[in-house]
Amino acid sequence: MHIIQAVIGAVLYMTIFFSIGFILNMLLKKTWTLVFIYPIFVIMMIDNVKLSSYVTETSTALTGIYEGLVGLQLLDLFMLGFGLLGAILAGVTIRFLRKSGYSMF
């Protein structure tokens, strides 16, 4: 992957997860909703295991998660880190808006 693609991808991940986090925080009236859900998104992106196999074949599914995390490249971690940053910024923004007096948030 080229470095320019990684930078653009990181900005897109941050924007997408900021938007999703902002909307979830606004609708559910919880500040850090997406920050706690984000690891599930990451696992679903890097793992090719069905959701039902976490119940039926737990050890195989957890091994797949481990192998997926170990197999990530530095640029992949960079982009996923910016996604987490976007989720955190959404929580900070919602908290700021609530303190500023916006009752709908």
PDB file of N, CA and C in Angstrom:
ATOM      1  N   MET A   1       0.860  -1.169   0.000  1.00  0.00           N
ATOM      2  CA  MET A   1       0.000   0.000   0.000  1.00  0.00           C
ATOM      3  C   MET A   1       0.906   1.232   0.000  1.00  0.00           C
ATOM      4  N   HIS A   2       0.540   2.173  -0.799  1.00  0.00           N
ATOM      5  CA  HIS A   2       1.288   3.416  -0.901  1.00  0.00           C
ATOM      6  C   HIS A   2       0.956   4.315   0.295  1.00  0.00           C
ATOM      7  N   ILE A   3       1.905   5.154   0.696  1.00  0.00           N
ATOM      8  CA  ILE A   3       1.723   5.989   1.883  1.00  0.00           C
ATOM      9  C   ILE A   3       0.578   6.985   1.709  1.00  0.00           C
ATOM     10  N   ILE A   4       0.373   7.481   0.494  1.00  0.00           N
ATOM     11  CA  ILE A   4      -0.720   8.432   0.252  1.00  0.00           C
ATOM     12  C   ILE A   4      -2.068   7.736   0.423  1.00  0.00           C
ATOM     13  N   GLN A   5      -2.162   6.504  -0.031  1.00  0.00           N
ATOM     14  CA  GLN A   5      -3.395   5.744   0.164  1.00  0.00           C
ATOM     15  C   GLN A   5      -3.665   5.516   1.645  1.00  0.00           C
ATOM     16  N   ALA A   6      -2.610   5.277   2.413  1.00  0.00           N
ATOM     17  CA  ALA A   6      -2.780   5.059   3.848  1.00  0.00           C
ATOM     18  C   ALA A   6      -3.244   6.328   4.550  1.00  0.00           C
ATOM     19  N   VAL A   7      -2.706   7.468   4.155  1.00  0.00           N
ATOM     20  CA  VAL A   7      -3.113   8.741   4.776  1.00  0.00           C
ATOM     21  C   VAL A   7      -4.568   9.044   4.436  1.00  0.00           C
ATOM     22  N   ILE A   8      -4.942   8.879   3.187  1.00  0.00           N
ATOM     23  CA  ILE A   8      -6.339   9.116   2.785  1.00  0.00           C
ATOM     24  C   ILE A   8      -7.260   8.123   3.480  1.00  0.00           C
ATOM     25  N   GLY A   9      -6.850   6.864   3.564  1.00  0.00           N
ATOM     26  CA  GLY A   9      -7.646   5.853   4.265  1.00  0.00           C
ATOM     27  C   GLY A   9      -7.802   6.175   5.742  1.00  0.00           C
ATOM     28  N   ALA A  10      -6.736   6.686   6.364  1.00  0.00           N
ATOM     29  CA  ALA A  10      -6.805   7.034   7.786  1.00  0.00           C
ATOM     30  C   ALA A  10      -7.782   8.175   8.009  1.00  0.00           C
ATOM     31  N   VAL A  11      -7.751   9.168   7.145  1.00  0.00           N
ATOM     32  CA  VAL A  11      -8.694  10.290   7.273  1.00  0.00           C
ATOM     33  C   VAL A  11     -10.124   9.809   7.053  1.00  0.00           C
ATOM     34  N   LEU A  12     -10.322   8.914   6.101  1.00  0.00           N
ATOM     35  CA  LEU A  12     -11.660   8.372   5.854  1.00  0.00           C
ATOM     36  C   LEU A  12     -12.152   7.541   7.039  1.00  0.00           C
ATOM     37  N   TYR A  13     -11.280   6.716   7.614  1.00  0.00           N
ATOM     38  CA  TYR A  13     -11.666   5.926   8.793  1.00  0.00           C
ATOM     39  C   TYR A  13     -12.050   6.846   9.943  1.00  0.00           C
ATOM     40  N   MET A  14     -11.249   7.903  10.157  1.00  0.00           N
ATOM     41  CA  MET A  14     -11.547   8.820  11.242  1.00  0.00           C
ATOM     42  C   MET A  14     -12.889   9.508  11.004  1.00  0.00           C
ATOM     43  N   THR A  15     -13.142   9.922   9.782  1.00  0.00           N
ATOM     44  CA  THR A  15     -14.401  10.595   9.459  1.00  0.00           C
ATOM     45  C   THR A  15     -15.594   9.658   9.604  1.00  0.00           C
ATOM     46  N   ILE A  16     -15.455   8.452   9.104  1.00  0.00           N
ATOM     47  CA  ILE A  16     -16.557   7.490   9.173  1.00  0.00           C
ATOM     48  C   ILE A  16     -16.891   7.148  10.620  1.00  0.00           C
ATOM     49  N   PHE A  17     -15.882   6.840  11.427  1.00  0.00           N
ATOM     50  CA  PHE A  17     -16.160   6.445  12.800  1.00  0.00           C
ATOM     51  C   PHE A  17     -16.545   7.629  13.669  1.00  0.00           C
ATOM     52  N   PHE A  18     -16.099   8.845  13.323  1.00  0.00           N
ATOM     53  CA  PHE A  18     -16.587  10.025  14.025  1.00  0.00           C
ATOM     54  C   PHE A  18     -18.076  10.208  13.745  1.00  0.00           C
ATOM     55  N   SER A  19     -18.465  10.067  12.479  1.00  0.00           N
ATOM     56  CA  SER A  19     -19.873  10.250  12.106  1.00  0.00           C
ATOM     57  C   SER A  19     -20.766   9.199  12.750  1.00  0.00           C
ATOM     58  N   ILE A  20     -20.351   7.938  12.659  1.00  0.00           N
ATOM     59  CA  ILE A  20     -21.149   6.865  13.249  1.00  0.00           C
ATOM     60  C   ILE A  20     -21.224   7.035  14.764  1.00  0.00           C
ATOM     61  N   GLY A  21     -20.101   7.365  15.390  1.00  0.00           N
ATOM     62  CA  GLY A  21     -20.081   7.561  16.835  1.00  0.00           C
ATOM     63  C   GLY A  21     -20.925   8.741  17.276  1.00  0.00           C
ATOM     64  N   PHE A  22     -20.886   9.832  16.512  1.00  0.00           N
ATOM     65  CA  PHE A  22     -21.673  11.014  16.847  1.00  0.00           C
ATOM     66  C   PHE A  22     -23.164  10.689  16.802  1.00  0.00           C
ATOM     67  N   ILE A  23     -23.581  10.008  15.755  1.00  0.00           N
ATOM     68  CA  ILE A  23     -24.996   9.666  15.607  1.00  0.00           C
ATOM     69  C   ILE A  23     -25.435   8.678  16.700  1.00  0.00           C
ATOM     70  N   LEU A  24     -24.615   7.644  16.958  1.00  0.00           N
ATOM     71  CA  LEU A  24     -24.963   6.685  18.013  1.00  0.00           C
ATOM     72  C   LEU A  24     -25.020   7.348  19.383  1.00  0.00           C
ATOM     73  N   ASN A  25     -24.047   8.216  19.663  1.00  0.00           N
ATOM     74  CA  ASN A  25     -24.042   8.907  20.952  1.00  0.00           C
ATOM     75  C   ASN A  25     -25.250   9.823  21.098  1.00  0.00           C
ATOM     76  N   MET A  26     -25.653  10.455  20.000  1.00  0.00           N
ATOM     77  CA  MET A  26     -26.797  11.362  20.050  1.00  0.00           C
ATOM     78  C   MET A  26     -28.102  10.582  20.228  1.00  0.00           C
ATOM     79  N   LEU A  27     -28.246   9.489  19.508  1.00  0.00           N
ATOM     80  CA  LEU A  27     -29.490   8.722  19.576  1.00  0.00           C
ATOM     81  C   LEU A  27     -29.628   7.919  20.864  1.00  0.00           C
ATOM     82  N   LEU A  28     -28.543   7.326  21.308  1.00  0.00           N
ATOM     83  CA  LEU A  28     -28.607   6.470  22.498  1.00  0.00           C
ATOM     84  C   LEU A  28     -28.366   7.233  23.802  1.00  0.00           C
ATOM     85  N   LYS A  29     -27.976   8.501  23.680  1.00  0.00           N
ATOM     86  CA  LYS A  29     -27.698   9.365  24.835  1.00  0.00           C
ATOM     87  C   LYS A  29     -26.626   8.779  25.751  1.00  0.00           C
ATOM     88  N   LYS A  30     -25.677   8.090  25.158  1.00  0.00           N
ATOM     89  CA  LYS A  30     -24.503   7.580  25.866  1.00  0.00           C
ATOM     90  C   LYS A  30     -23.279   8.217  25.216  1.00  0.00           C
ATOM     91  N   THR A  31     -22.305   8.608  26.015  1.00  0.00           N
ATOM     92  CA  THR A  31     -21.191   9.371  25.472  1.00  0.00           C
ATOM     93  C   THR A  31     -20.150   8.499  24.783  1.00  0.00           C
ATOM     94  N   TRP A  32     -19.825   7.367  25.328  1.00  0.00           N
ATOM     95  CA  TRP A  32     -18.709   6.589  24.801  1.00  0.00           C
ATOM     96  C   TRP A  32     -19.167   5.277  24.168  1.00  0.00           C
ATOM     97  N   THR A  33     -20.306   5.280  23.516  1.00  0.00           N
ATOM     98  CA  THR A  33     -20.870   4.056  22.950  1.00  0.00           C
ATOM     99  C   THR A  33     -19.930   3.410  21.936  1.00  0.00           C
ATOM    100  N   LEU A  34     -19.501   4.157  20.938  1.00  0.00           N
ATOM    101  CA  LEU A  34     -18.715   3.556  19.860  1.00  0.00           C
ATOM    102  C   LEU A  34     -17.307   3.181  20.311  1.00  0.00           C
ATOM    103  N   VAL A  35     -16.781   3.849  21.306  1.00  0.00           N
ATOM    104  CA  VAL A  35     -15.443   3.489  21.788  1.00  0.00           C
ATOM    105  C   VAL A  35     -15.445   2.063  22.328  1.00  0.00           C
ATOM    106  N   PHE A  36     -16.549   1.653  22.939  1.00  0.00           N
ATOM    107  CA  PHE A  36     -16.643   0.296  23.461  1.00  0.00           C
ATOM    108  C   PHE A  36     -17.036  -0.712  22.378  1.00  0.00           C
ATOM    109  N   ILE A  37     -17.724  -0.258  21.341  1.00  0.00           N
ATOM    110  CA  ILE A  37     -18.132  -1.142  20.254  1.00  0.00           C
ATOM    111  C   ILE A  37     -17.041  -1.266  19.185  1.00  0.00           C
ATOM    112  N   TYR A  38     -16.123  -0.314  19.125  1.00  0.00           N
ATOM    113  CA  TYR A  38     -15.093  -0.279  18.078  1.00  0.00           C
ATOM    114  C   TYR A  38     -14.261  -1.563  17.991  1.00  0.00           C
ATOM    115  N   PRO A  39     -13.827  -2.163  19.102  1.00  0.00           N
ATOM    116  CA  PRO A  39     -13.067  -3.423  18.965  1.00  0.00           C
ATOM    117  C   PRO A  39     -13.853  -4.527  18.258  1.00  0.00           C
ATOM    118  N   ILE A  40     -15.161  -4.539  18.410  1.00  0.00           N
ATOM    119  CA  ILE A  40     -15.971  -5.525  17.687  1.00  0.00           C
ATOM    120  C   ILE A  40     -15.916  -5.263  16.190  1.00  0.00           C
ATOM    121  N   PHE A  41     -15.966  -3.976  15.793  1.00  0.00           N
ATOM    122  CA  PHE A  41     -15.826  -3.622  14.384  1.00  0.00           C
ATOM    123  C   PHE A  41     -14.469  -4.081  13.842  1.00  0.00           C
ATOM    124  N   VAL A  42     -13.425  -3.864  14.613  1.00  0.00           N
ATOM    125  CA  VAL A  42     -12.083  -4.250  14.167  1.00  0.00           C
ATOM    126  C   VAL A  42     -11.987  -5.755  14.005  1.00  0.00           C
ATOM    127  N   ILE A  43     -12.522  -6.500  14.964  1.00  0.00           N
ATOM    128  CA  ILE A  43     -12.490  -7.958  14.874  1.00  0.00           C
ATOM    129  C   ILE A  43     -13.267  -8.436  13.653  1.00  0.00           C
ATOM    130  N   MET A  44     -14.407  -7.813  13.386  1.00  0.00           N
ATOM    131  CA  MET A  44     -15.193  -8.213  12.217  1.00  0.00           C
ATOM    132  C   MET A  44     -14.472  -7.883  10.912  1.00  0.00           C
ATOM    133  N   MET A  45     -13.656  -6.823  10.909  1.00  0.00           N
ATOM    134  CA  MET A  45     -12.929  -6.462   9.691  1.00  0.00           C
ATOM    135  C   MET A  45     -11.741  -7.380   9.431  1.00  0.00           C
ATOM    136  N   ILE A  46     -11.038  -7.808  10.479  1.00  0.00           N
ATOM    137  CA  ILE A  46      -9.814  -8.582  10.259  1.00  0.00           C
ATOM    138  C   ILE A  46     -10.034 -10.087  10.301  1.00  0.00           C
ATOM    139  N   ASP A  47     -11.181 -10.531  10.801  1.00  0.00           N
ATOM    140  CA  ASP A  47     -11.421 -11.954  10.981  1.00  0.00           C
ATOM    141  C   ASP A  47     -12.440 -12.434   9.953  1.00  0.00           C
ATOM    142  N   ASN A  48     -12.196 -13.600   9.382  1.00  0.00           N
ATOM    143  CA  ASN A  48     -13.117 -14.166   8.391  1.00  0.00           C
ATOM    144  C   ASN A  48     -13.913 -15.326   8.965  1.00  0.00           C
ATOM    145  N   VAL A  49     -14.230 -15.247  10.234  1.00  0.00           N
ATOM    146  CA  VAL A  49     -14.954 -16.310  10.917  1.00  0.00           C
ATOM    147  C   VAL A  49     -16.406 -15.876  11.100  1.00  0.00           C
ATOM    148  N   LYS A  50     -17.331 -16.808  10.922  1.00  0.00           N
ATOM    149  CA  LYS A  50     -18.736 -16.501  11.141  1.00  0.00           C
ATOM    150  C   LYS A  50     -18.987 -16.189  12.610  1.00  0.00           C
ATOM    151  N   LEU A  51     -19.988 -15.395  12.865  1.00  0.00           N
ATOM    152  CA  LEU A  51     -20.318 -14.994  14.227  1.00  0.00           C
ATOM    153  C   LEU A  51     -20.752 -16.190  15.074  1.00  0.00           C
ATOM    154  N   SER A  52     -21.428 -17.145  14.453  1.00  0.00           N
ATOM    155  CA  SER A  52     -21.894 -18.315  15.208  1.00  0.00           C
ATOM    156  C   SER A  52     -20.743 -19.221  15.637  1.00  0.00           C
ATOM    157  N   SER A  53     -19.622 -19.172  14.947  1.00  0.00           N
ATOM    158  CA  SER A  53     -18.513 -20.047  15.321  1.00  0.00           C
ATOM    159  C   SER A  53     -17.805 -19.587  16.591  1.00  0.00           C
ATOM    160  N   TYR A  54     -18.076 -18.357  17.066  1.00  0.00           N
ATOM    161  CA  TYR A  54     -17.537 -17.941  18.362  1.00  0.00           C
ATOM    162  C   TYR A  54     -18.203 -18.719  19.496  1.00  0.00           C
ATOM    163  N   VAL A  55     -19.404 -19.240  19.230  1.00  0.00           N
ATOM    164  CA  VAL A  55     -20.105 -20.032  20.238  1.00  0.00           C
ATOM    165  C   VAL A  55     -19.815 -21.517  20.046  1.00  0.00           C
ATOM    166  N   THR A  56     -19.830 -21.973  18.797  1.00  0.00           N
ATOM    167  CA  THR A  56     -19.668 -23.400  18.543  1.00  0.00           C
ATOM    168  C   THR A  56     -18.213 -23.849  18.539  1.00  0.00           C
ATOM    169  N   GLU A  57     -17.320 -23.048  17.963  1.00  0.00           N
ATOM    170  CA  GLU A  57     -15.897 -23.397  17.871  1.00  0.00           C
ATOM    171  C   GLU A  57     -15.069 -22.247  18.449  1.00  0.00           C
ATOM    172  N   THR A  58     -15.131 -22.077  19.738  1.00  0.00           N
ATOM    173  CA  THR A  58     -14.536 -20.911  20.395  1.00  0.00           C
ATOM    174  C   THR A  58     -13.024 -20.849  20.221  1.00  0.00           C
ATOM    175  N   SER A  59     -12.341 -21.943  20.441  1.00  0.00           N
ATOM    176  CA  SER A  59     -10.871 -21.917  20.376  1.00  0.00           C
ATOM    177  C   SER A  59     -10.386 -21.617  18.958  1.00  0.00           C
ATOM    178  N   THR A  60     -11.040 -22.161  17.961  1.00  0.00           N
ATOM    179  CA  THR A  60     -10.668 -21.891  16.575  1.00  0.00           C
ATOM    180  C   THR A  60     -10.925 -20.432  16.212  1.00  0.00           C
ATOM    181  N   ALA A  61     -12.043 -19.894  16.661  1.00  0.00           N
ATOM    182  CA  ALA A  61     -12.370 -18.505  16.359  1.00  0.00           C
ATOM    183  C   ALA A  61     -11.401 -17.543  17.038  1.00  0.00           C
ATOM    184  N   LEU A  62     -11.053 -17.822  18.298  1.00  0.00           N
ATOM    185  CA  LEU A  62     -10.112 -16.952  19.004  1.00  0.00           C
ATOM    186  C   LEU A  62      -8.708 -17.044  18.420  1.00  0.00           C
ATOM    187  N   THR A  63      -8.339 -18.209  17.929  1.00  0.00           N
ATOM    188  CA  THR A  63      -7.056 -18.352  17.245  1.00  0.00           C
ATOM    189  C   THR A  63      -7.049 -17.532  15.959  1.00  0.00           C
ATOM    190  N   GLY A  64      -8.183 -17.511  15.268  1.00  0.00           N
ATOM    191  CA  GLY A  64      -8.297 -16.701  14.059  1.00  0.00           C
ATOM    192  C   GLY A  64      -8.163 -15.220  14.341  1.00  0.00           C
ATOM    193  N   ILE A  65      -8.712 -14.759  15.469  1.00  0.00           N
ATOM    194  CA  ILE A  65      -8.566 -13.355  15.863  1.00  0.00           C
ATOM    195  C   ILE A  65      -7.099 -13.045  16.135  1.00  0.00           C
ATOM    196  N   TYR A  66      -6.439 -13.925  16.863  1.00  0.00           N
ATOM    197  CA  TYR A  66      -5.032 -13.713  17.187  1.00  0.00           C
ATOM    198  C   TYR A  66      -4.182 -13.650  15.920  1.00  0.00           C
ATOM    199  N   GLU A  67      -4.404 -14.594  15.011  1.00  0.00           N
ATOM    200  CA  GLU A  67      -3.640 -14.599  13.766  1.00  0.00           C
ATOM    201  C   GLU A  67      -3.929 -13.364  12.925  1.00  0.00           C
ATOM    202  N   GLY A  68      -5.174 -12.905  12.946  1.00  0.00           N
ATOM    203  CA  GLY A  68      -5.515 -11.693  12.213  1.00  0.00           C
ATOM    204  C   GLY A  68      -4.846 -10.463  12.788  1.00  0.00           C
ATOM    205  N   LEU A  69      -4.788 -10.365  14.120  1.00  0.00           N
ATOM    206  CA  LEU A  69      -4.129  -9.219  14.756  1.00  0.00           C
ATOM    207  C   LEU A  69      -2.630  -9.240  14.541  1.00  0.00           C
ATOM    208  N   VAL A  70      -2.029 -10.418  14.606  1.00  0.00           N
ATOM    209  CA  VAL A  70      -0.591 -10.518  14.396  1.00  0.00           C
ATOM    210  C   VAL A  70      -0.233 -10.226  12.934  1.00  0.00           C
ATOM    211  N   GLY A  71      -1.111 -10.569  12.025  1.00  0.00           N
ATOM    212  CA  GLY A  71      -0.848 -10.381  10.607  1.00  0.00           C
ATOM    213  C   GLY A  71      -1.069  -8.965  10.093  1.00  0.00           C
ATOM    214  N   LEU A  72      -1.489  -8.064  10.949  1.00  0.00           N
ATOM    215  CA  LEU A  72      -1.717  -6.688  10.498  1.00  0.00           C
ATOM    216  C   LEU A  72      -0.395  -5.980  10.229  1.00  0.00           C
ATOM    217  N   GLN A  73      -0.392  -5.193   9.182  1.00  0.00           N
ATOM    218  CA  GLN A  73       0.786  -4.397   8.840  1.00  0.00           C
ATOM    219  C   GLN A  73       0.744  -3.086   9.609  1.00  0.00           C
ATOM    220  N   LEU A  74       1.829  -2.352   9.592  1.00  0.00           N
ATOM    221  CA  LEU A  74       1.931  -1.091  10.310  1.00  0.00           C
ATOM    222  C   LEU A  74       0.926  -0.066   9.766  1.00  0.00           C
ATOM    223  N   LEU A  75       0.756  -0.021   8.459  1.00  0.00           N
ATOM    224  CA  LEU A  75      -0.194   0.930   7.880  1.00  0.00           C
ATOM    225  C   LEU A  75      -1.637   0.565   8.215  1.00  0.00           C
ATOM    226  N   ASP A  76      -1.923  -0.728   8.359  1.00  0.00           N
ATOM    227  CA  ASP A  76      -3.258  -1.148   8.780  1.00  0.00           C
ATOM    228  C   ASP A  76      -3.538  -0.676  10.209  1.00  0.00           C
ATOM    229  N   LEU A  77      -2.552  -0.831  11.078  1.00  0.00           N
ATOM    230  CA  LEU A  77      -2.693  -0.360  12.455  1.00  0.00           C
ATOM    231  C   LEU A  77      -2.844   1.155  12.499  1.00  0.00           C
ATOM    232  N   PHE A  78      -2.148   1.851  11.608  1.00  0.00           N
ATOM    233  CA  PHE A  78      -2.248   3.300  11.500  1.00  0.00           C
ATOM    234  C   PHE A  78      -3.679   3.709  11.162  1.00  0.00           C
ATOM    235  N   MET A  79      -4.267   3.054  10.174  1.00  0.00           N
ATOM    236  CA  MET A  79      -5.632   3.391   9.773  1.00  0.00           C
ATOM    237  C   MET A  79      -6.640   3.007  10.856  1.00  0.00           C
ATOM    238  N   LEU A  80      -6.486   1.850  11.470  1.00  0.00           N
ATOM    239  CA  LEU A  80      -7.402   1.445  12.538  1.00  0.00           C
ATOM    240  C   LEU A  80      -7.268   2.352  13.757  1.00  0.00           C
ATOM    241  N   GLY A  81      -6.062   2.834  14.008  1.00  0.00           N
ATOM    242  CA  GLY A  81      -5.853   3.782  15.100  1.00  0.00           C
ATOM    243  C   GLY A  81      -6.576   5.099  14.848  1.00  0.00           C
ATOM    244  N   PHE A  82      -6.588   5.544  13.605  1.00  0.00           N
ATOM    245  CA  PHE A  82      -7.317   6.770  13.284  1.00  0.00           C
ATOM    246  C   PHE A  82      -8.820   6.554  13.382  1.00  0.00           C
ATOM    247  N   GLY A  83      -9.299   5.343  13.116  1.00  0.00           N
ATOM    248  CA  GLY A  83     -10.711   5.040  13.339  1.00  0.00           C
ATOM    249  C   GLY A  83     -11.072   5.149  14.798  1.00  0.00           C
ATOM    250  N   LEU A  84     -10.215   4.622  15.671  1.00  0.00           N
ATOM    251  CA  LEU A  84     -10.436   4.742  17.110  1.00  0.00           C
ATOM    252  C   LEU A  84     -10.379   6.198  17.544  1.00  0.00           C
ATOM    253  N   LEU A  85      -9.469   6.973  16.958  1.00  0.00           N
ATOM    254  CA  LEU A  85      -9.389   8.402  17.256  1.00  0.00           C
ATOM    255  C   LEU A  85     -10.685   9.111  16.879  1.00  0.00           C
ATOM    256  N   GLY A  86     -11.271   8.749  15.742  1.00  0.00           N
ATOM    257  CA  GLY A  86     -12.552   9.337  15.340  1.00  0.00           C
ATOM    258  C   GLY A  86     -13.660   9.012  16.316  1.00  0.00           C
ATOM    259  N   ALA A  87     -13.680   7.768  16.828  1.00  0.00           N
ATOM    260  CA  ALA A  87     -14.691   7.384  17.815  1.00  0.00           C
ATOM    261  C   ALA A  87     -14.505   8.158  19.114  1.00  0.00           C
ATOM    262  N   ILE A  88     -13.262   8.354  19.528  1.00  0.00           N
ATOM    263  CA  ILE A  88     -12.992   9.121  20.742  1.00  0.00           C
ATOM    264  C   ILE A  88     -13.370  10.581  20.554  1.00  0.00           C
ATOM    265  N   LEU A  89     -13.048  11.145  19.391  1.00  0.00           N
ATOM    266  CA  LEU A  89     -13.408  12.541  19.116  1.00  0.00           C
ATOM    267  C   LEU A  89     -14.923  12.743  19.096  1.00  0.00           C
ATOM    268  N   ALA A  90     -15.667  11.739  18.661  1.00  0.00           N
ATOM    269  CA  ALA A  90     -17.124  11.835  18.691  1.00  0.00           C
ATOM    270  C   ALA A  90     -17.623  11.932  20.126  1.00  0.00           C
ATOM    271  N   GLY A  91     -17.049  11.138  21.026  1.00  0.00           N
ATOM    272  CA  GLY A  91     -17.425  11.211  22.431  1.00  0.00           C
ATOM    273  C   GLY A  91     -17.062  12.542  23.062  1.00  0.00           C
ATOM    274  N   VAL A  92     -15.880  13.058  22.730  1.00  0.00           N
ATOM    275  CA  VAL A  92     -15.452  14.356  23.256  1.00  0.00           C
ATOM    276  C   VAL A  92     -16.361  15.467  22.745  1.00  0.00           C
ATOM    277  N   THR A  93     -16.731  15.401  21.478  1.00  0.00           N
ATOM    278  CA  THR A  93     -17.605  16.419  20.890  1.00  0.00           C
ATOM    279  C   THR A  93     -18.985  16.395  21.536  1.00  0.00           C
ATOM    280  N   ILE A  94     -19.557  15.217  21.718  1.00  0.00           N
ATOM    281  CA  ILE A  94     -20.864  15.106  22.365  1.00  0.00           C
ATOM    282  C   ILE A  94     -20.797  15.635  23.784  1.00  0.00           C
ATOM    283  N   ARG A  95     -19.737  15.292  24.500  1.00  0.00           N
ATOM    284  CA  ARG A  95     -19.587  15.776  25.884  1.00  0.00           C
ATOM    285  C   ARG A  95     -19.497  17.304  25.910  1.00  0.00           C
ATOM    286  N   PHE A  96     -18.729  17.890  24.978  1.00  0.00           N
ATOM    287  CA  PHE A  96     -18.616  19.348  24.902  1.00  0.00           C
ATOM    288  C   PHE A  96     -19.959  19.995  24.591  1.00  0.00           C
ATOM    289  N   LEU A  97     -20.708  19.411  23.661  1.00  0.00           N
ATOM    290  CA  LEU A  97     -22.001  19.986  23.301  1.00  0.00           C
ATOM    291  C   LEU A  97     -22.986  19.902  24.461  1.00  0.00           C
ATOM    292  N   ARG A  98     -22.941  18.814  25.228  1.00  0.00           N
ATOM    293  CA  ARG A  98     -23.825  18.703  26.391  1.00  0.00           C
ATOM    294  C   ARG A  98     -23.469  19.740  27.450  1.00  0.00           C
ATOM    295  N   LYS A  99     -22.184  19.960  27.687  1.00  0.00           N
ATOM    296  CA  LYS A  99     -21.761  20.947  28.666  1.00  0.00           C
ATOM    297  C   LYS A  99     -22.077  22.368  28.201  1.00  0.00           C
ATOM    298  N   SER A 100     -22.152  22.564  26.890  1.00  0.00           N
ATOM    299  CA  SER A 100     -22.463  23.883  26.344  1.00  0.00           C
ATOM    300  C   SER A 100     -23.957  24.198  26.410  1.00  0.00           C
ATOM    301  N   GLY A 101     -24.767  23.235  26.780  1.00  0.00           N
ATOM    302  CA  GLY A 101     -26.177  23.498  26.970  1.00  0.00           C
ATOM    303  C   GLY A 101     -27.092  22.957  25.894  1.00  0.00           C
ATOM    304  N   TYR A 102     -26.587  22.184  24.965  1.00  0.00           N
ATOM    305  CA  TYR A 102     -27.428  21.609  23.928  1.00  0.00           C
ATOM    306  C   TYR A 102     -28.119  20.371  24.510  1.00  0.00           C
ATOM    307  N   SER A 103     -29.394  20.516  24.824  1.00  0.00           N
ATOM    308  CA  SER A 103     -30.095  19.429  25.522  1.00  0.00           C
ATOM    309  C   SER A 103     -30.421  18.262  24.612  1.00  0.00           C
ATOM    310  N   MET A 104     -30.432  18.443  23.313  1.00  0.00           N
ATOM    311  CA  MET A 104     -30.741  17.332  22.430  1.00  0.00           C
ATOM    312  C   MET A 104     -29.583  16.346  22.341  1.00  0.00           C
ATOM    313  N   PHE A 105     -28.427  16.729  22.838  1.00  0.00           N
ATOM    314  CA  PHE A 105     -27.282  15.843  22.808  1.00  0.00           C
ATOM    315  C   PHE A 105     -27.068  15.273  24.192  1.00  0.00           C
TER     316      PHE A 105
END
